[in-house]
Amino acid sequence: MTTLSLLTSFALALSLAYLDPVTGTFIVQTIIGGLLGGWYILKKYYNRIHAYLAGTTGDEEASVTDGN
């Protein structure tokens, strides 16, 4: 009987932390989207940031590495 009451109280404590599959998927999707978005921004503006820190205009580097 004591074991049953301990398991019940333990299960109630865990039930307060329940996340349904949609919530878990949303959290994972948000993390992945944030990481990919940050990577894209760094990739997109890498030449400008590098040129600014190097003290050049950056136009020459952007035309060579951009590929367009």
PDB file of N, CA and C in Angstrom:
ATOM      1  N   MET A   1       0.823  -1.197   0.000  1.00  0.00           N
ATOM      2  CA  MET A   1       0.000   0.000   0.000  1.00  0.00           C
ATOM      3  C   MET A   1       0.862   1.253   0.000  1.00  0.00           C
ATOM      4  N   THR A   2       1.932   1.227   0.752  1.00  0.00           N
ATOM      5  CA  THR A   2       2.828   2.382   0.804  1.00  0.00           C
ATOM      6  C   THR A   2       3.493   2.605  -0.553  1.00  0.00           C
ATOM      7  N   THR A   3       3.863   1.532  -1.202  1.00  0.00           N
ATOM      8  CA  THR A   3       4.489   1.644  -2.515  1.00  0.00           C
ATOM      9  C   THR A   3       3.533   2.262  -3.524  1.00  0.00           C
ATOM     10  N   LEU A   4       2.281   1.853  -3.458  1.00  0.00           N
ATOM     11  CA  LEU A   4       1.287   2.411  -4.364  1.00  0.00           C
ATOM     12  C   LEU A   4       1.100   3.905  -4.137  1.00  0.00           C
ATOM     13  N   SER A   5       1.086   4.349  -2.911  1.00  0.00           N
ATOM     14  CA  SER A   5       0.918   5.774  -2.635  1.00  0.00           C
ATOM     15  C   SER A   5       2.153   6.565  -3.066  1.00  0.00           C
ATOM     16  N   LEU A   6       3.336   5.978  -2.927  1.00  0.00           N
ATOM     17  CA  LEU A   6       4.545   6.659  -3.387  1.00  0.00           C
ATOM     18  C   LEU A   6       4.562   6.777  -4.912  1.00  0.00           C
ATOM     19  N   LEU A   7       4.183   5.719  -5.590  1.00  0.00           N
ATOM     20  CA  LEU A   7       4.134   5.771  -7.052  1.00  0.00           C
ATOM     21  C   LEU A   7       3.098   6.777  -7.547  1.00  0.00           C
ATOM     22  N   THR A   8       1.981   6.846  -6.868  1.00  0.00           N
ATOM     23  CA  THR A   8       0.941   7.791  -7.254  1.00  0.00           C
ATOM     24  C   THR A   8       1.410   9.225  -7.076  1.00  0.00           C
ATOM     25  N   SER A   9       2.058   9.506  -5.966  1.00  0.00           N
ATOM     26  CA  SER A   9       2.545  10.869  -5.747  1.00  0.00           C
ATOM     27  C   SER A   9       3.661  11.211  -6.723  1.00  0.00           C
ATOM     28  N   PHE A  10       4.497  10.235  -7.058  1.00  0.00           N
ATOM     29  CA  PHE A  10       5.560  10.461  -8.035  1.00  0.00           C
ATOM     30  C   PHE A  10       4.974  10.697  -9.426  1.00  0.00           C
ATOM     31  N   ALA A  11       3.963   9.957  -9.792  1.00  0.00           N
ATOM     32  CA  ALA A  11       3.326  10.111 -11.095  1.00  0.00           C
ATOM     33  C   ALA A  11       2.636  11.460 -11.208  1.00  0.00           C
ATOM     34  N   LEU A  12       2.045  11.935 -10.132  1.00  0.00           N
ATOM     35  CA  LEU A  12       1.402  13.248 -10.164  1.00  0.00           C
ATOM     36  C   LEU A  12       2.421  14.356 -10.342  1.00  0.00           C
ATOM     37  N   ALA A  13       3.592  14.217  -9.730  1.00  0.00           N
ATOM     38  CA  ALA A  13       4.637  15.224  -9.896  1.00  0.00           C
ATOM     39  C   ALA A  13       5.131  15.248 -11.337  1.00  0.00           C
ATOM     40  N   LEU A  14       5.252  14.086 -11.969  1.00  0.00           N
ATOM     41  CA  LEU A  14       5.694  14.037 -13.359  1.00  0.00           C
ATOM     42  C   LEU A  14       4.634  14.534 -14.324  1.00  0.00           C
ATOM     43  N   SER A  15       3.388  14.377 -13.981  1.00  0.00           N
ATOM     44  CA  SER A  15       2.329  14.780 -14.897  1.00  0.00           C
ATOM     45  C   SER A  15       2.267  16.294 -15.072  1.00  0.00           C
ATOM     46  N   LEU A  16       2.813  17.035 -14.154  1.00  0.00           N
ATOM     47  CA  LEU A  16       2.834  18.489 -14.299  1.00  0.00           C
ATOM     48  C   LEU A  16       3.840  18.931 -15.366  1.00  0.00           C
ATOM     49  N   ALA A  17       4.765  18.055 -15.745  1.00  0.00           N
ATOM     50  CA  ALA A  17       5.784  18.385 -16.734  1.00  0.00           C
ATOM     51  C   ALA A  17       5.500  17.734 -18.077  1.00  0.00           C
ATOM     52  N   TYR A  18       4.284  17.353 -18.331  1.00  0.00           N
ATOM     53  CA  TYR A  18       3.930  16.665 -19.577  1.00  0.00           C
ATOM     54  C   TYR A  18       3.937  17.632 -20.743  1.00  0.00           C
ATOM     55  N   LEU A  19       4.603  17.255 -21.812  1.00  0.00           N
ATOM     56  CA  LEU A  19       4.563  18.004 -23.066  1.00  0.00           C
ATOM     57  C   LEU A  19       3.987  17.086 -24.134  1.00  0.00           C
ATOM     58  N   ASP A  20       2.959  17.556 -24.795  1.00  0.00           N
ATOM     59  CA  ASP A  20       2.402  16.729 -25.857  1.00  0.00           C
ATOM     60  C   ASP A  20       3.323  16.769 -27.079  1.00  0.00           C
ATOM     61  N   PRO A  21       3.152  15.864 -28.028  1.00  0.00           N
ATOM     62  CA  PRO A  21       4.047  15.797 -29.184  1.00  0.00           C
ATOM     63  C   PRO A  21       4.094  17.082 -30.011  1.00  0.00           C
ATOM     64  N   VAL A  22       2.997  17.796 -30.082  1.00  0.00           N
ATOM     65  CA  VAL A  22       2.985  19.033 -30.862  1.00  0.00           C
ATOM     66  C   VAL A  22       3.885  20.082 -30.224  1.00  0.00           C
ATOM     67  N   THR A  23       3.855  20.190 -28.905  1.00  0.00           N
ATOM     68  CA  THR A  23       4.692  21.152 -28.210  1.00  0.00           C
ATOM     69  C   THR A  23       6.165  20.804 -28.373  1.00  0.00           C
ATOM     70  N   GLY A  24       6.501  19.540 -28.234  1.00  0.00           N
ATOM     71  CA  GLY A  24       7.887  19.119 -28.402  1.00  0.00           C
ATOM     72  C   GLY A  24       8.380  19.374 -29.814  1.00  0.00           C
ATOM     73  N   THR A  25       7.544  19.098 -30.804  1.00  0.00           N
ATOM     74  CA  THR A  25       7.908  19.342 -32.190  1.00  0.00           C
ATOM     75  C   THR A  25       8.087  20.828 -32.449  1.00  0.00           C
ATOM     76  N   PHE A  26       7.247  21.651 -31.864  1.00  0.00           N
ATOM     77  CA  PHE A  26       7.357  23.091 -32.038  1.00  0.00           C
ATOM     78  C   PHE A  26       8.670  23.610 -31.448  1.00  0.00           C
ATOM     79  N   ILE A  27       9.049  23.099 -30.285  1.00  0.00           N
ATOM     80  CA  ILE A  27      10.301  23.528 -29.660  1.00  0.00           C
ATOM     81  C   ILE A  27      11.497  23.124 -30.521  1.00  0.00           C
ATOM     82  N   VAL A  28      11.501  21.903 -31.010  1.00  0.00           N
ATOM     83  CA  VAL A  28      12.599  21.434 -31.870  1.00  0.00           C
ATOM     84  C   VAL A  28      12.653  22.248 -33.158  1.00  0.00           C
ATOM     85  N   GLN A  29      11.497  22.509 -33.757  1.00  0.00           N
ATOM     86  CA  GLN A  29      11.441  23.279 -34.991  1.00  0.00           C
ATOM     87  C   GLN A  29      11.944  24.701 -34.780  1.00  0.00           C
ATOM     88  N   THR A  30      11.624  25.308 -33.646  1.00  0.00           N
ATOM     89  CA  THR A  30      12.089  26.655 -33.343  1.00  0.00           C
ATOM     90  C   THR A  30      13.601  26.690 -33.179  1.00  0.00           C
ATOM     91  N   ILE A  31      14.159  25.708 -32.503  1.00  0.00           N
ATOM     92  CA  ILE A  31      15.610  25.658 -32.317  1.00  0.00           C
ATOM     93  C   ILE A  31      16.317  25.469 -33.654  1.00  0.00           C
ATOM     94  N   ILE A  32      15.845  24.532 -34.462  1.00  0.00           N
ATOM     95  CA  ILE A  32      16.466  24.284 -35.762  1.00  0.00           C
ATOM     96  C   ILE A  32      16.336  25.510 -36.672  1.00  0.00           C
ATOM     97  N   GLY A  33      15.180  26.130 -36.669  1.00  0.00           N
ATOM     98  CA  GLY A  33      14.975  27.330 -37.484  1.00  0.00           C
ATOM     99  C   GLY A  33      15.872  28.474 -37.050  1.00  0.00           C
ATOM    100  N   GLY A  34      16.041  28.648 -35.751  1.00  0.00           N
ATOM    101  CA  GLY A  34      16.935  29.697 -35.262  1.00  0.00           C
ATOM    102  C   GLY A  34      18.382  29.452 -35.643  1.00  0.00           C
ATOM    103  N   LEU A  35      18.822  28.211 -35.532  1.00  0.00           N
ATOM    104  CA  LEU A  35      20.197  27.881 -35.912  1.00  0.00           C
ATOM    105  C   LEU A  35      20.426  28.069 -37.413  1.00  0.00           C
ATOM    106  N   LEU A  36      19.500  27.596 -38.225  1.00  0.00           N
ATOM    107  CA  LEU A  36      19.647  27.757 -39.667  1.00  0.00           C
ATOM    108  C   LEU A  36      19.535  29.217 -40.097  1.00  0.00           C
ATOM    109  N   GLY A  37      18.662  29.964 -39.455  1.00  0.00           N
ATOM    110  CA  GLY A  37      18.542  31.389 -39.769  1.00  0.00           C
ATOM    111  C   GLY A  37      19.804  32.160 -39.407  1.00  0.00           C
ATOM    112  N   GLY A  38      20.367  31.846 -38.252  1.00  0.00           N
ATOM    113  CA  GLY A  38      21.628  32.488 -37.859  1.00  0.00           C
ATOM    114  C   GLY A  38      22.758  32.129 -38.796  1.00  0.00           C
ATOM    115  N   TRP A  39      22.820  30.865 -39.208  1.00  0.00           N
ATOM    116  CA  TRP A  39      23.844  30.429 -40.155  1.00  0.00           C
ATOM    117  C   TRP A  39      23.690  31.159 -41.488  1.00  0.00           C
ATOM    118  N   TYR A  40      22.460  31.321 -41.950  1.00  0.00           N
ATOM    119  CA  TYR A  40      22.209  32.011 -43.221  1.00  0.00           C
ATOM    120  C   TYR A  40      22.644  33.472 -43.141  1.00  0.00           C
ATOM    121  N   ILE A  41      22.308  34.136 -42.060  1.00  0.00           N
ATOM    122  CA  ILE A  41      22.688  35.552 -41.903  1.00  0.00           C
ATOM    123  C   ILE A  41      24.201  35.692 -41.878  1.00  0.00           C
ATOM    124  N   LEU A  42      24.880  34.811 -41.136  1.00  0.00           N
ATOM    125  CA  LEU A  42      26.342  34.878 -41.109  1.00  0.00           C
ATOM    126  C   LEU A  42      26.937  34.618 -42.488  1.00  0.00           C
ATOM    127  N   LYS A  43      26.386  33.658 -43.200  1.00  0.00           N
ATOM    128  CA  LYS A  43      26.880  33.356 -44.539  1.00  0.00           C
ATOM    129  C   LYS A  43      26.609  34.525 -45.488  1.00  0.00           C
ATOM    130  N   LYS A  44      25.448  35.103 -45.381  1.00  0.00           N
ATOM    131  CA  LYS A  44      25.054  36.190 -46.280  1.00  0.00           C
ATOM    132  C   LYS A  44      25.912  37.440 -46.073  1.00  0.00           C
ATOM    133  N   TYR A  45      26.196  37.770 -44.833  1.00  0.00           N
ATOM    134  CA  TYR A  45      26.909  39.006 -44.542  1.00  0.00           C
ATOM    135  C   TYR A  45      28.367  38.787 -44.163  1.00  0.00           C
ATOM    136  N   TYR A  46      28.896  37.587 -44.390  1.00  0.00           N
ATOM    137  CA  TYR A  46      30.274  37.300 -44.026  1.00  0.00           C
ATOM    138  C   TYR A  46      31.252  38.240 -44.731  1.00  0.00           C
ATOM    139  N   ASN A  47      31.075  38.457 -46.027  1.00  0.00           N
ATOM    140  CA  ASN A  47      31.991  39.311 -46.776  1.00  0.00           C
ATOM    141  C   ASN A  47      31.960  40.746 -46.272  1.00  0.00           C
ATOM    142  N   ARG A  48      30.799  41.248 -45.951  1.00  0.00           N
ATOM    143  CA  ARG A  48      30.703  42.622 -45.445  1.00  0.00           C
ATOM    144  C   ARG A  48      31.366  42.752 -44.076  1.00  0.00           C
ATOM    145  N   ILE A  49      31.119  41.771 -43.218  1.00  0.00           N
ATOM    146  CA  ILE A  49      31.724  41.810 -41.883  1.00  0.00           C
ATOM    147  C   ILE A  49      33.236  41.667 -41.989  1.00  0.00           C
ATOM    148  N   HIS A  50      33.700  40.757 -42.825  1.00  0.00           N
ATOM    149  CA  HIS A  50      35.131  40.541 -42.997  1.00  0.00           C
ATOM    150  C   HIS A  50      35.799  41.787 -43.581  1.00  0.00           C
ATOM    151  N   ALA A  51      35.174  42.410 -44.576  1.00  0.00           N
ATOM    152  CA  ALA A  51      35.731  43.615 -45.179  1.00  0.00           C
ATOM    153  C   ALA A  51      35.762  44.767 -44.174  1.00  0.00           C
ATOM    154  N   TYR A  52      34.740  44.892 -43.381  1.00  0.00           N
ATOM    155  CA  TYR A  52      34.703  45.952 -42.369  1.00  0.00           C
ATOM    156  C   TYR A  52      35.831  45.782 -41.359  1.00  0.00           C
ATOM    157  N   LEU A  53      36.016  44.560 -40.901  1.00  0.00           N
ATOM    158  CA  LEU A  53      37.073  44.309 -39.927  1.00  0.00           C
ATOM    159  C   LEU A  53      38.466  44.428 -40.552  1.00  0.00           C
ATOM    160  N   ALA A  54      38.598  44.109 -41.835  1.00  0.00           N
ATOM    161  CA  ALA A  54      39.889  44.203 -42.518  1.00  0.00           C
ATOM    162  C   ALA A  54      40.182  45.630 -42.978  1.00  0.00           C
ATOM    163  N   GLY A  55      39.174  46.481 -43.034  1.00  0.00           N
ATOM    164  CA  GLY A  55      39.364  47.870 -43.437  1.00  0.00           C
ATOM    165  C   GLY A  55      39.325  48.077 -44.942  1.00  0.00           C
ATOM    166  N   THR A  56      38.755  47.151 -45.693  1.00  0.00           N
ATOM    167  CA  THR A  56      38.619  47.307 -47.143  1.00  0.00           C
ATOM    168  C   THR A  56      37.159  47.576 -47.479  1.00  0.00           C
ATOM    169  N   THR A  57      36.902  47.818 -48.767  1.00  0.00           N
ATOM    170  CA  THR A  57      35.530  48.121 -49.166  1.00  0.00           C
ATOM    171  C   THR A  57      34.669  46.869 -49.233  1.00  0.00           C
ATOM    172  N   GLY A  58      35.263  45.726 -49.590  1.00  0.00           N
ATOM    173  CA  GLY A  58      34.505  44.488 -49.627  1.00  0.00           C
ATOM    174  C   GLY A  58      33.861  44.198 -50.949  1.00  0.00           C
ATOM    175  N   ASP A  59      33.871  45.163 -51.893  1.00  0.00           N
ATOM    176  CA  ASP A  59      33.249  44.944 -53.196  1.00  0.00           C
ATOM    177  C   ASP A  59      33.994  43.894 -54.000  1.00  0.00           C
ATOM    178  N   GLU A  60      35.321  43.913 -53.939  1.00  0.00           N
ATOM    179  CA  GLU A  60      36.101  42.946 -54.690  1.00  0.00           C
ATOM    180  C   GLU A  60      35.867  41.530 -54.168  1.00  0.00           C
ATOM    181  N   GLU A  61      35.850  41.379 -52.863  1.00  0.00           N
ATOM    182  CA  GLU A  61      35.663  40.064 -52.256  1.00  0.00           C
ATOM    183  C   GLU A  61      34.257  39.536 -52.526  1.00  0.00           C
ATOM    184  N   ALA A  62      33.279  40.387 -52.472  1.00  0.00           N
ATOM    185  CA  ALA A  62      31.893  39.949 -52.659  1.00  0.00           C
ATOM    186  C   ALA A  62      31.675  39.458 -54.081  1.00  0.00           C
ATOM    187  N   SER A  63      32.264  40.124 -55.085  1.00  0.00           N
ATOM    188  CA  SER A  63      32.053  39.719 -56.458  1.00  0.00           C
ATOM    189  C   SER A  63      32.762  38.399 -56.769  1.00  0.00           C
ATOM    190  N   VAL A  64      33.878  38.126 -56.099  1.00  0.00           N
ATOM    191  CA  VAL A  64      34.626  36.905 -56.354  1.00  0.00           C
ATOM    192  C   VAL A  64      33.960  35.708 -55.671  1.00  0.00           C
ATOM    193  N   THR A  65      33.560  35.856 -54.407  1.00  0.00           N
ATOM    194  CA  THR A  65      33.051  34.712 -53.647  1.00  0.00           C
ATOM    195  C   THR A  65      31.551  34.544 -53.740  1.00  0.00           C
ATOM    196  N   ASP A  66      30.833  35.566 -54.215  1.00  0.00           N
ATOM    197  CA  ASP A  66      29.388  35.473 -54.270  1.00  0.00           C
ATOM    198  C   ASP A  66      28.918  34.514 -55.348  1.00  0.00           C
ATOM    199  N   GLY A  67      29.603  34.486 -56.469  1.00  0.00           N
ATOM    200  CA  GLY A  67      29.247  33.559 -57.532  1.00  0.00           C
ATOM    201  C   GLY A  67      28.140  34.068 -58.434  1.00  0.00           C
ATOM    202  N   ASN A  68      27.657  35.271 -58.236  1.00  0.00           N
ATOM    203  CA  ASN A  68      26.588  35.824 -59.087  1.00  0.00           C
ATOM    204  C   ASN A  68      27.148  36.797 -60.074  1.00  0.00           C
TER     205      ASN A  68
END
